[in-house]
Amino acid sequence: MFRLPTTVTKKAHIQEAIRRLRKKHVSLVIVPGTTGASRTIRFSMFRLYVIGAALCVAAVGLFAVSLEYANRKELADRLEALKRRETARSLRINEITGERMRLARQLGLCAGFDDDMRVVHDLEPISGDVREAGVGGPLTDLTSMLRVGRDKNVDDLELTLRQAQLQNDSFADILKNQDRAQHIFDHTPAVKPAAGPCVSGFCWRRDPIFGGVQFHKGLDIAYPTGTPIIAPADGVVAFAGMKTGYGYTVFLKHGYGFETRYGHCSQLLVTEGQIVHRGDVIALVGATGWAVGPHCHYEVLVSGVHVDPAQYILPDYLTD
């Protein structure tokens, strides 16, 4: 029956193998030259095995030490590179922080100007809370909790950028409103259409032609025949021709509910459908129709209702 060798048997076998190795020798013969006697050195096989094993262990140890040194040096180099990158990053963050603070100060100055401009253009003011939070409104508590641990500089920069975007949007609203206001002003009667004194106003008066008291729906501006009559605002010629009582007449449609009329002209210089701008000469003063002398009869209508033209004459406004 086969049995596995016991520990004692294994030990005996090992000892027997060692004794055999000690009995075996290796001879090394050294011959110095042609005249000298040779020399023989004997080594037991056991000793050679021991020396060989020791050399192997030493080689492995040296390799391990070399590998550890290389790994440590690589780690040290990487750490040094990371330190340099972190230093450069810190310097850049400081620069960005400085720029952000300068931008925040500029935004503070712009906010005051922006508030004044919004009042001038009749726009709703921006509340302090909205300005503080920037576009998108203030951060909620949940959002703040989710962002715990982030670099505060990043949060501050994002906040400043949101505030800058809000200011940019506000200025865009102001410019848009200003463009619309300018367009409305360009199409609003604002100047006296002819040089000369106003000899009859927007009032009840005795009719100079037929007698009796009638309401005069415009201004009579007296000046010699041939004096230029100009458009008081941008618009389109709605009528240019002869009308009973008015003589040669021009009607201008300006938009936004404004209409102006010019009667008793001696000559018409525009045609129906023609686009005119404030200051363009549209006719010449005359005395056609029911008139006792050369003058420009000037009417202003707002949404079809006659109003006092004197309210739409700016005394200090000059045309080009």
Protein backbone atom coordinates (compact mmCIF):
# COMPACT_ATOMS: atom_id res chain seq x y z
CA MET A 1 0.00 0.00 0.00
CA PHE A 2 1.44 3.41 -1.06
CA ARG A 3 2.07 5.97 1.73
CA LEU A 4 3.21 9.57 1.53
CA PRO A 5 6.61 10.14 3.13
CA THR A 6 6.46 11.66 6.57
CA THR A 7 8.24 14.84 7.66
CA VAL A 8 11.04 12.82 9.26
CA THR A 9 11.58 10.88 6.04
CA LYS A 10 11.74 14.12 4.03
CA LYS A 11 14.29 15.54 6.44
CA ALA A 12 16.44 12.44 6.16
CA HIS A 13 16.37 12.60 2.38
CA ILE A 14 17.47 16.26 2.47
CA GLN A 15 20.34 15.49 4.82
CA GLU A 16 21.41 12.61 2.59
CA ALA A 17 21.39 14.91 -0.47
CA ILE A 18 23.54 17.47 1.39
CA ARG A 19 26.08 14.78 2.37
CA ARG A 20 26.31 13.68 -1.23
CA LEU A 21 26.89 17.23 -2.39
CA ARG A 22 29.63 17.70 0.18
CA LYS A 23 31.36 14.58 -1.05
CA LYS A 24 31.30 15.86 -4.61
CA HIS A 25 33.98 18.37 -5.51
CA VAL A 26 34.95 20.53 -8.43
CA SER A 27 38.65 21.09 -9.12
CA LEU A 28 40.03 24.30 -10.58
CA VAL A 29 43.56 23.95 -12.04
CA ILE A 30 45.59 27.13 -12.33
CA VAL A 31 48.63 27.01 -14.63
CA PRO A 32 50.74 30.17 -14.11
CA GLY A 33 53.00 29.72 -17.18
CA THR A 34 55.45 27.44 -18.97
CA THR A 35 57.90 27.35 -16.09
CA GLY A 36 55.70 27.57 -13.00
CA ALA A 37 54.00 24.70 -11.22
CA SER A 38 50.26 24.34 -11.63
CA ARG A 39 47.92 24.83 -8.69
CA THR A 40 44.69 23.03 -8.02
CA ILE A 41 41.80 24.44 -5.99
CA ARG A 42 38.92 22.19 -4.96
CA PHE A 43 35.37 23.33 -4.23
CA SER A 44 32.63 21.19 -2.86
CA MET A 45 29.38 21.22 -4.84
CA PHE A 46 27.47 22.19 -1.71
CA ARG A 47 29.58 25.31 -1.26
CA LEU A 48 29.10 26.27 -4.91
CA TYR A 49 25.33 25.91 -4.54
CA VAL A 50 25.38 28.07 -1.40
CA ILE A 51 27.46 30.76 -3.10
CA GLY A 52 25.22 30.67 -6.19
CA ALA A 53 22.09 30.98 -4.07
CA ALA A 54 23.60 33.89 -2.14
CA LEU A 55 24.51 35.66 -5.39
CA CYS A 56 20.96 35.16 -6.72
CA VAL A 57 19.48 36.57 -3.52
CA ALA A 58 21.84 39.55 -3.68
CA ALA A 59 20.97 40.20 -7.36
CA VAL A 60 17.25 40.07 -6.62
CA GLY A 61 17.68 42.39 -3.65
CA LEU A 62 19.73 44.85 -5.71
CA PHE A 63 17.11 44.82 -8.44
CA ALA A 64 14.35 45.43 -5.90
CA VAL A 65 16.28 48.32 -4.35
CA SER A 66 16.92 49.83 -7.78
CA LEU A 67 13.25 49.51 -8.73
CA GLU A 68 12.14 51.13 -5.46
CA TYR A 69 14.58 53.98 -5.99
CA ALA A 70 13.29 54.54 -9.52
CA ASN A 71 9.68 54.53 -8.30
CA ARG A 72 10.46 56.98 -5.51
CA LYS A 73 12.30 59.30 -7.91
CA GLU A 74 9.38 59.23 -10.35
CA LEU A 75 6.95 60.03 -7.56
CA ALA A 76 9.17 62.87 -6.35
CA ASP A 77 9.35 64.33 -9.89
CA ARG A 78 5.59 64.10 -10.29
CA LEU A 79 5.05 65.73 -6.91
CA GLU A 80 7.38 68.57 -7.87
CA ALA A 81 5.52 69.05 -11.16
CA LEU A 82 2.20 69.12 -9.30
CA LYS A 83 3.59 71.73 -6.91
CA ARG A 84 4.67 73.91 -9.82
CA ARG A 85 1.25 73.56 -11.46
CA GLU A 86 -0.49 74.37 -8.19
CA THR A 87 1.69 77.46 -7.76
CA ALA A 88 0.89 78.62 -11.30
CA ARG A 89 -2.81 77.90 -10.70
CA SER A 90 -2.79 79.93 -7.48
CA LEU A 91 -1.16 82.87 -9.25
CA ARG A 92 -3.73 82.69 -12.06
CA ILE A 93 -6.60 82.48 -9.57
CA ASN A 94 -5.26 85.58 -7.83
CA GLU A 95 -5.12 87.40 -11.16
CA ILE A 96 -8.68 86.34 -12.05
CA THR A 97 -9.88 87.32 -8.58
CA GLY A 98 -8.35 90.78 -9.02
CA GLU A 99 -10.00 91.16 -12.43
CA ARG A 100 -13.33 89.98 -10.99
CA MET A 101 -13.16 92.55 -8.20
CA ARG A 102 -12.40 95.33 -10.69
CA LEU A 103 -15.32 94.16 -12.83
CA ALA A 104 -17.59 94.10 -9.77
CA ARG A 105 -16.62 97.70 -8.97
CA GLN A 106 -17.35 98.76 -12.55
CA LEU A 107 -20.71 96.99 -12.40
CA GLY A 108 -21.49 98.92 -9.23
CA LEU A 109 -20.85 102.20 -11.05
CA CYS A 110 -22.88 101.05 -14.06
CA ALA A 111 -25.80 100.11 -11.82
CA GLY A 112 -26.30 103.70 -10.68
CA PHE A 113 -26.16 105.01 -14.24
CA ASP A 114 -28.47 102.19 -15.35
CA ASP A 115 -31.05 103.12 -12.68
CA ASP A 116 -31.04 106.76 -13.84
CA MET A 117 -31.40 105.78 -17.50
CA ARG A 118 -34.29 103.42 -16.77
CA VAL A 119 -36.10 106.27 -15.01
CA VAL A 120 -35.48 108.57 -17.99
CA HIS A 121 -36.83 105.96 -20.42
CA ASP A 122 -39.78 105.07 -18.17
CA LEU A 123 -38.60 101.50 -17.65
CA GLU A 124 -39.25 99.49 -14.51
CA PRO A 125 -36.25 99.72 -12.14
CA ILE A 126 -34.23 96.61 -11.29
CA SER A 127 -34.45 95.69 -7.61
CA GLY A 128 -31.33 95.37 -5.47
CA ASP A 129 -31.98 91.66 -4.84
CA VAL A 130 -32.13 90.94 -8.57
CA ARG A 131 -28.97 92.94 -9.22
CA GLU A 132 -27.19 91.06 -6.42
CA ALA A 133 -28.16 87.64 -7.79
CA GLY A 134 -27.69 88.49 -11.46
CA VAL A 135 -29.54 86.82 -14.34
CA GLY A 136 -31.48 83.79 -13.18
CA GLY A 137 -32.38 85.07 -9.71
CA PRO A 138 -30.87 84.19 -6.33
CA LEU A 139 -29.53 80.70 -5.63
CA THR A 140 -31.86 78.42 -3.71
CA ASP A 141 -30.79 76.70 -0.50
CA LEU A 142 -30.80 73.34 -2.31
CA THR A 143 -28.51 74.62 -5.03
CA SER A 144 -26.19 76.09 -2.41
CA MET A 145 -26.05 72.74 -0.57
CA LEU A 146 -25.22 70.87 -3.77
CA ARG A 147 -22.33 73.24 -4.41
CA VAL A 148 -20.66 72.83 -1.03
CA GLY A 149 -16.97 72.14 -1.45
CA ARG A 150 -16.57 74.04 -4.70
CA ASP A 151 -13.91 76.72 -4.92
CA LYS A 152 -15.40 79.98 -3.62
CA ASN A 153 -13.52 81.88 -6.33
CA VAL A 154 -15.44 79.94 -8.97
CA ASP A 155 -18.77 80.77 -7.34
CA ASP A 156 -17.82 84.46 -7.02
CA LEU A 157 -16.76 84.57 -10.67
CA GLU A 158 -20.00 82.94 -11.82
CA LEU A 159 -22.00 85.44 -9.74
CA THR A 160 -20.12 88.39 -11.23
CA LEU A 161 -20.66 87.02 -14.75
CA ARG A 162 -24.39 86.68 -14.07
CA GLN A 163 -24.48 90.28 -12.80
CA ALA A 164 -22.60 91.43 -15.91
CA GLN A 165 -25.11 89.59 -18.13
CA LEU A 166 -27.98 91.24 -16.27
CA GLN A 167 -26.40 94.67 -16.77
CA ASN A 168 -25.82 93.92 -20.46
CA ASP A 169 -29.47 92.91 -20.89
CA SER A 170 -30.62 96.06 -19.11
CA PHE A 171 -28.52 98.30 -21.35
CA ALA A 172 -29.94 96.45 -24.37
CA ASP A 173 -33.47 97.23 -23.13
CA ILE A 174 -32.53 100.89 -22.68
CA LEU A 175 -31.03 101.12 -26.17
CA LYS A 176 -34.07 99.40 -27.66
CA ASN A 177 -36.38 101.79 -25.83
CA GLN A 178 -34.20 104.73 -26.84
CA ASP A 179 -34.39 103.70 -30.50
CA ARG A 180 -38.17 103.49 -30.25
CA ALA A 181 -38.33 106.84 -28.42
CA GLN A 182 -36.14 108.42 -31.11
CA HIS A 183 -38.37 106.97 -33.82
CA ILE A 184 -41.47 108.35 -32.10
CA PHE A 185 -39.83 111.77 -31.71
CA ASP A 186 -38.75 111.81 -35.37
CA HIS A 187 -42.40 111.26 -36.34
CA THR A 188 -43.85 113.79 -33.87
CA PRO A 189 -44.42 117.38 -35.11
CA ALA A 190 -41.88 119.53 -33.33
CA VAL A 191 -41.05 122.64 -35.41
CA LYS A 192 -42.90 125.57 -36.94
CA PRO A 193 -43.39 124.75 -40.62
CA ALA A 194 -42.67 128.28 -41.86
CA ALA A 195 -40.76 131.32 -40.70
CA GLY A 196 -42.86 134.27 -39.63
CA PRO A 197 -45.22 135.44 -36.88
CA CYS A 198 -48.43 133.64 -35.94
CA VAL A 199 -51.25 136.09 -36.79
CA SER A 200 -54.13 133.81 -35.78
CA GLY A 201 -54.20 131.00 -33.27
CA PHE A 202 -56.17 127.87 -32.34
CA CYS A 203 -59.26 129.64 -31.01
CA TRP A 204 -62.70 131.09 -31.67
CA ARG A 205 -62.52 134.13 -34.00
CA ARG A 206 -64.45 136.21 -36.50
CA ASP A 207 -64.08 134.71 -39.97
CA PRO A 208 -62.13 137.22 -42.13
CA ILE A 209 -63.87 136.07 -45.33
CA PHE A 210 -67.50 135.35 -44.42
CA GLY A 211 -67.82 137.08 -41.04
CA GLY A 212 -69.46 135.44 -38.07
CA VAL A 213 -67.69 133.65 -35.23
CA GLN A 214 -66.09 130.29 -36.09
CA PHE A 215 -63.50 128.09 -34.42
CA HIS A 216 -60.11 128.32 -36.11
CA LYS A 217 -58.61 124.83 -36.12
CA GLY A 218 -55.01 125.79 -36.77
CA LEU A 219 -52.31 128.47 -36.82
CA ASP A 220 -51.92 131.13 -39.48
CA ILE A 221 -48.23 131.91 -40.04
CA ALA A 222 -47.82 135.06 -42.14
CA TYR A 223 -44.85 135.44 -44.48
CA PRO A 224 -44.27 136.60 -48.05
CA THR A 225 -45.30 134.42 -50.97
CA GLY A 226 -42.62 131.88 -51.90
CA THR A 227 -41.37 131.32 -48.35
CA PRO A 228 -40.47 127.61 -47.88
CA ILE A 229 -42.82 125.42 -45.85
CA ILE A 230 -41.02 122.50 -44.18
CA ALA A 231 -42.18 119.18 -42.77
CA PRO A 232 -42.20 119.35 -38.95
CA ALA A 233 -41.61 115.60 -38.67
CA ASP A 234 -40.91 112.48 -40.71
CA GLY A 235 -43.91 111.13 -42.58
CA VAL A 236 -45.62 110.29 -45.87
CA VAL A 237 -47.53 112.64 -48.14
CA ALA A 238 -51.19 111.59 -47.89
CA PHE A 239 -52.56 114.35 -50.13
CA ALA A 240 -51.09 117.05 -52.35
CA GLY A 241 -53.53 119.10 -54.44
CA MET A 242 -56.32 121.64 -54.47
CA LYS A 243 -59.00 121.70 -51.74
CA THR A 244 -61.96 124.00 -51.42
CA GLY A 245 -61.18 126.84 -49.07
CA TYR A 246 -57.62 125.59 -48.45
CA GLY A 247 -56.34 126.22 -51.97
CA TYR A 248 -53.18 124.25 -52.73
CA THR A 249 -52.85 121.91 -49.74
CA VAL A 250 -50.54 119.18 -48.38
CA PHE A 251 -51.56 116.50 -45.86
CA LEU A 252 -48.80 114.53 -44.10
CA LYS A 253 -49.31 111.26 -42.20
CA HIS A 254 -46.58 110.83 -39.56
CA GLY A 255 -47.65 107.65 -37.81
CA TYR A 256 -48.41 107.20 -34.11
CA GLY A 257 -51.72 108.98 -34.77
CA PHE A 258 -50.17 112.27 -35.95
CA GLU A 259 -51.33 114.14 -39.07
CA THR A 260 -50.45 117.67 -40.22
CA ARG A 261 -52.04 119.91 -42.89
CA TYR A 262 -50.74 122.97 -44.77
CA GLY A 263 -53.13 125.27 -46.67
CA HIS A 264 -53.08 128.30 -49.03
CA CYS A 265 -49.76 127.26 -50.60
CA SER A 266 -48.59 128.98 -53.77
CA GLN A 267 -46.73 125.90 -55.03
CA LEU A 268 -46.60 122.20 -54.03
CA LEU A 269 -43.17 120.49 -54.09
CA VAL A 270 -44.21 116.94 -53.11
CA THR A 271 -46.50 114.24 -54.46
CA GLU A 272 -48.80 111.74 -52.83
CA GLY A 273 -46.94 108.71 -51.38
CA GLN A 274 -43.64 110.55 -51.14
CA ILE A 275 -41.62 110.00 -47.94
CA VAL A 276 -40.45 113.20 -46.27
CA HIS A 277 -38.22 113.94 -43.29
CA ARG A 278 -38.26 116.73 -40.76
CA GLY A 279 -36.89 119.88 -42.42
CA ASP A 280 -37.70 118.85 -46.01
CA VAL A 281 -39.34 121.64 -48.03
CA ILE A 282 -42.81 120.45 -49.08
CA ALA A 283 -44.42 123.65 -50.44
CA LEU A 284 -44.18 127.46 -50.68
CA VAL A 285 -46.24 130.05 -48.80
CA GLY A 286 -49.07 131.59 -50.83
CA ALA A 287 -52.64 132.94 -50.69
CA THR A 288 -54.62 130.38 -52.68
CA GLY A 289 -58.13 129.40 -51.56
CA TRP A 290 -60.01 131.57 -49.09
CA ALA A 291 -57.21 133.83 -47.86
CA VAL A 292 -56.82 137.59 -47.41
CA GLY A 293 -53.04 137.51 -47.72
CA PRO A 294 -50.02 135.18 -48.06
CA HIS A 295 -49.68 132.85 -45.09
CA CYS A 296 -49.41 129.15 -44.16
CA HIS A 297 -52.49 127.68 -42.48
CA TYR A 298 -51.08 124.89 -40.27
CA GLU A 299 -53.18 122.18 -38.57
CA VAL A 300 -52.20 119.28 -36.29
CA LEU A 301 -54.45 116.25 -35.69
CA VAL A 302 -53.90 113.50 -33.13
CA SER A 303 -55.94 110.36 -33.74
CA GLY A 304 -58.21 112.37 -36.03
CA VAL A 305 -58.85 115.18 -33.51
CA HIS A 306 -57.64 118.73 -34.09
CA VAL A 307 -55.27 120.00 -31.38
CA ASP A 308 -53.44 123.28 -30.82
CA PRO A 309 -50.37 123.21 -33.13
CA ALA A 310 -48.54 125.53 -30.72
CA GLN A 311 -48.21 122.52 -28.37
CA TYR A 312 -46.12 120.78 -31.03
CA ILE A 313 -43.63 123.57 -31.71
CA LEU A 314 -40.38 123.41 -29.76
CA PRO A 315 -39.01 126.95 -29.61
CA ASP A 316 -35.36 125.91 -29.39
CA TYR A 317 -35.46 123.04 -31.88
CA LEU A 318 -33.53 123.66 -35.10
CA THR A 319 -33.61 121.50 -38.23
CA ASP A 320 -30.50 120.62 -40.21
